[in-house]
């Protein structure tokens, strides 16, 4: 019917981006809460934009963190 389920690797403490031959830390986790129902805040070290990562069981999502005006939160 659908075939075997594919395993998706879990998000690591630091996300890596390959630039030429040099590996650079692009995202840093600055906040984490929970074990099964997880909420984390990550910062893009190049742009300063903050992201919310939410995971519950096998489902999860990653989206920009917005302020009350709907603009992305940016860490200087």
N, C-alpha and C. Protein backbone atom coordinates (compact mmCIF):
# COMPACT_ATOMS: atom_id res chain seq x y z
N UNK A 1 0.83 -1.19 0.00
CA UNK A 1 0.00 0.00 0.00
C UNK A 1 0.87 1.25 0.00
N UNK A 2 1.50 1.59 1.12
CA UNK A 2 2.35 2.77 1.19
C UNK A 2 3.83 2.42 1.23
N UNK A 3 4.17 1.18 1.50
CA UNK A 3 5.56 0.77 1.61
C UNK A 3 6.07 0.98 3.02
N UNK A 4 7.32 0.59 3.27
CA UNK A 4 7.88 0.73 4.61
C UNK A 4 8.08 2.20 4.99
N UNK A 5 7.95 2.46 6.28
CA UNK A 5 8.15 3.83 6.78
C UNK A 5 9.62 4.19 6.68
N UNK A 6 9.91 5.41 6.32
CA UNK A 6 11.29 5.88 6.25
C UNK A 6 11.63 6.59 7.54
N UNK A 7 12.81 6.31 8.07
CA UNK A 7 13.25 6.97 9.28
C UNK A 7 13.81 8.35 8.93
N UNK A 8 13.39 9.34 9.67
CA UNK A 8 13.88 10.70 9.48
C UNK A 8 14.80 11.02 10.64
N UNK A 9 16.05 11.41 10.36
CA UNK A 9 16.97 11.69 11.47
C UNK A 9 16.48 12.85 12.33
N UNK A 10 16.68 12.72 13.62
CA UNK A 10 16.26 13.76 14.57
C UNK A 10 17.12 15.00 14.38
N UNK A 11 16.55 16.16 14.71
CA UNK A 11 17.28 17.41 14.64
C UNK A 11 18.39 17.38 15.69
N UNK A 12 19.61 17.71 15.29
CA UNK A 12 20.74 17.65 16.20
C UNK A 12 20.89 18.95 16.96
N UNK A 13 21.78 18.96 17.95
CA UNK A 13 22.02 20.14 18.77
C UNK A 13 22.43 21.33 17.92
N UNK A 14 23.21 21.10 16.89
CA UNK A 14 23.65 22.17 15.99
C UNK A 14 23.39 21.71 14.56
N UNK A 15 22.76 22.54 13.77
CA UNK A 15 22.54 22.22 12.36
C UNK A 15 23.77 22.68 11.58
N UNK A 16 24.20 21.89 10.63
CA UNK A 16 25.41 22.19 9.87
C UNK A 16 25.05 22.61 8.46
N UNK A 17 25.82 23.53 7.92
CA UNK A 17 25.69 23.95 6.53
C UNK A 17 27.06 23.81 5.89
N UNK A 18 27.11 23.23 4.73
CA UNK A 18 28.38 23.03 4.03
C UNK A 18 28.64 24.21 3.10
N UNK A 19 29.75 24.89 3.31
CA UNK A 19 30.15 26.01 2.44
C UNK A 19 31.52 25.69 1.89
N UNK A 20 31.58 25.29 0.64
CA UNK A 20 32.86 24.88 0.06
C UNK A 20 33.36 23.67 0.81
N UNK A 21 34.56 23.77 1.35
CA UNK A 21 35.13 22.68 2.12
C UNK A 21 35.06 22.94 3.61
N UNK A 22 34.41 24.02 4.02
CA UNK A 22 34.37 24.40 5.43
C UNK A 22 32.97 24.18 5.98
N UNK A 23 32.86 23.48 7.11
CA UNK A 23 31.56 23.31 7.77
C UNK A 23 31.38 24.44 8.77
N UNK A 24 30.23 25.08 8.72
CA UNK A 24 29.95 26.21 9.58
C UNK A 24 28.71 25.91 10.41
N UNK A 25 28.69 26.35 11.66
CA UNK A 25 27.48 26.26 12.48
C UNK A 25 26.53 27.34 12.01
N UNK A 26 25.36 26.95 11.51
CA UNK A 26 24.39 27.93 11.01
C UNK A 26 23.33 28.22 12.07
N UNK A 27 22.82 27.19 12.73
CA UNK A 27 21.76 27.35 13.73
C UNK A 27 22.25 26.91 15.10
N UNK A 28 21.87 27.67 16.13
CA UNK A 28 22.20 27.33 17.52
C UNK A 28 20.92 27.27 18.32
N UNK A 29 20.78 26.22 19.12
CA UNK A 29 19.61 26.09 19.99
C UNK A 29 19.86 26.93 21.24
N UNK A 30 18.91 27.84 21.56
CA UNK A 30 19.09 28.70 22.73
C UNK A 30 18.09 28.40 23.83
N UNK A 31 17.06 27.58 23.54
CA UNK A 31 16.05 27.26 24.56
C UNK A 31 15.45 25.91 24.22
N UNK A 32 15.17 25.11 25.26
CA UNK A 32 14.52 23.82 25.08
C UNK A 32 13.67 23.51 26.29
N UNK A 33 12.48 22.98 26.03
CA UNK A 33 11.55 22.61 27.09
C UNK A 33 10.84 21.33 26.68
N UNK A 34 10.76 20.36 27.60
CA UNK A 34 10.02 19.13 27.35
C UNK A 34 10.88 18.00 26.83
N UNK A 35 10.29 16.79 26.86
CA UNK A 35 10.97 15.61 26.34
C UNK A 35 10.16 14.93 25.24
N UNK A 36 8.88 14.70 25.48
CA UNK A 36 8.01 14.13 24.44
C UNK A 36 7.32 15.25 23.68
N UNK A 37 6.77 16.20 24.40
CA UNK A 37 6.18 17.40 23.82
C UNK A 37 7.24 18.49 23.93
N UNK A 38 7.98 18.72 22.85
CA UNK A 38 9.18 19.57 22.88
C UNK A 38 8.92 20.91 22.21
N UNK A 39 9.40 21.97 22.83
CA UNK A 39 9.42 23.30 22.23
C UNK A 39 10.86 23.81 22.35
N UNK A 40 11.43 24.25 21.22
CA UNK A 40 12.79 24.78 21.21
C UNK A 40 12.82 26.10 20.45
N UNK A 41 13.78 26.94 20.80
CA UNK A 41 14.03 28.16 20.04
C UNK A 41 15.45 28.07 19.49
N UNK A 42 15.57 28.29 18.17
CA UNK A 42 16.84 28.24 17.46
C UNK A 42 17.12 29.61 16.86
N UNK A 43 18.40 29.98 16.76
CA UNK A 43 18.80 31.24 16.14
C UNK A 43 19.68 30.94 14.93
N UNK A 44 19.35 31.59 13.82
CA UNK A 44 20.18 31.53 12.62
C UNK A 44 21.35 32.48 12.86
N UNK A 45 22.56 31.94 12.95
CA UNK A 45 23.72 32.75 13.30
C UNK A 45 24.13 33.72 12.20
N UNK A 46 23.65 33.53 10.98
CA UNK A 46 23.98 34.44 9.88
C UNK A 46 23.02 35.62 9.81
N UNK A 47 21.73 35.38 10.07
CA UNK A 47 20.73 36.44 9.95
C UNK A 47 20.23 36.95 11.28
N UNK A 48 20.39 36.17 12.35
CA UNK A 48 19.89 36.53 13.67
C UNK A 48 18.42 36.21 13.87
N UNK A 49 17.75 35.68 12.85
CA UNK A 49 16.32 35.35 12.95
C UNK A 49 16.13 34.18 13.91
N UNK A 50 15.13 34.30 14.80
CA UNK A 50 14.79 33.25 15.75
C UNK A 50 13.71 32.36 15.17
N UNK A 51 13.80 31.06 15.44
CA UNK A 51 12.82 30.08 14.95
C UNK A 51 12.30 29.26 16.11
N UNK A 52 11.03 28.84 16.02
CA UNK A 52 10.43 27.94 17.00
C UNK A 52 10.36 26.56 16.37
N UNK A 53 10.84 25.56 17.09
CA UNK A 53 10.72 24.17 16.68
C UNK A 53 9.80 23.49 17.67
N UNK A 54 8.75 22.86 17.19
CA UNK A 54 7.79 22.17 18.05
C UNK A 54 7.71 20.73 17.60
N UNK A 55 7.86 19.79 18.55
CA UNK A 55 7.80 18.36 18.24
C UNK A 55 6.90 17.68 19.26
N UNK A 56 6.05 16.79 18.77
CA UNK A 56 5.21 15.97 19.64
C UNK A 56 5.15 14.60 19.01
N UNK A 57 5.81 13.63 19.66
CA UNK A 57 5.86 12.28 19.08
C UNK A 57 6.68 12.30 17.80
N UNK A 58 6.05 11.85 16.69
CA UNK A 58 6.74 11.80 15.40
C UNK A 58 6.44 13.02 14.52
N UNK A 59 5.67 13.97 15.01
CA UNK A 59 5.33 15.15 14.23
C UNK A 59 6.10 16.35 14.74
N UNK A 60 6.44 17.28 13.84
CA UNK A 60 7.16 18.46 14.26
C UNK A 60 7.09 19.55 13.22
N UNK A 61 7.48 20.75 13.62
CA UNK A 61 7.48 21.88 12.70
C UNK A 61 8.50 22.92 13.12
N UNK A 62 8.97 23.70 12.15
CA UNK A 62 10.00 24.70 12.33
C UNK A 62 9.53 25.97 11.63
N UNK A 63 9.35 27.07 12.37
CA UNK A 63 8.80 28.29 11.78
C UNK A 63 9.44 29.51 12.44
N UNK A 64 9.50 30.64 11.74
CA UNK A 64 10.07 31.84 12.35
C UNK A 64 9.25 32.27 13.58
N UNK A 65 9.95 32.77 14.59
CA UNK A 65 9.32 33.31 15.78
C UNK A 65 8.95 34.76 15.48
N UNK A 66 7.67 35.13 15.67
CA UNK A 66 7.18 36.46 15.32
C UNK A 66 6.86 37.26 16.57
N UNK A 67 7.06 38.59 16.48
CA UNK A 67 6.69 39.47 17.59
C UNK A 67 5.20 39.82 17.48
N UNK A 68 4.72 40.70 18.35
CA UNK A 68 3.30 41.03 18.37
C UNK A 68 2.83 41.77 17.11
N UNK A 69 3.77 42.33 16.35
CA UNK A 69 3.43 43.01 15.11
C UNK A 69 3.53 42.09 13.90
N UNK A 70 3.90 40.83 14.14
CA UNK A 70 4.01 39.87 13.04
C UNK A 70 5.35 39.88 12.31
N UNK A 71 6.33 40.58 12.88
CA UNK A 71 7.67 40.63 12.28
C UNK A 71 8.57 39.59 12.95
N UNK A 72 9.51 39.02 12.20
CA UNK A 72 10.43 38.02 12.79
C UNK A 72 11.26 38.62 13.93
N UNK A 73 11.42 37.84 14.99
CA UNK A 73 12.29 38.25 16.10
C UNK A 73 13.72 38.04 15.65
N UNK A 74 14.55 39.08 15.78
CA UNK A 74 15.95 39.03 15.35
C UNK A 74 16.84 39.29 16.55
N UNK A 75 17.78 38.38 16.78
CA UNK A 75 18.77 38.52 17.85
C UNK A 75 20.02 39.18 17.25
N UNK A 76 20.44 40.31 17.81
CA UNK A 76 21.62 41.00 17.24
C UNK A 76 22.89 40.20 17.42
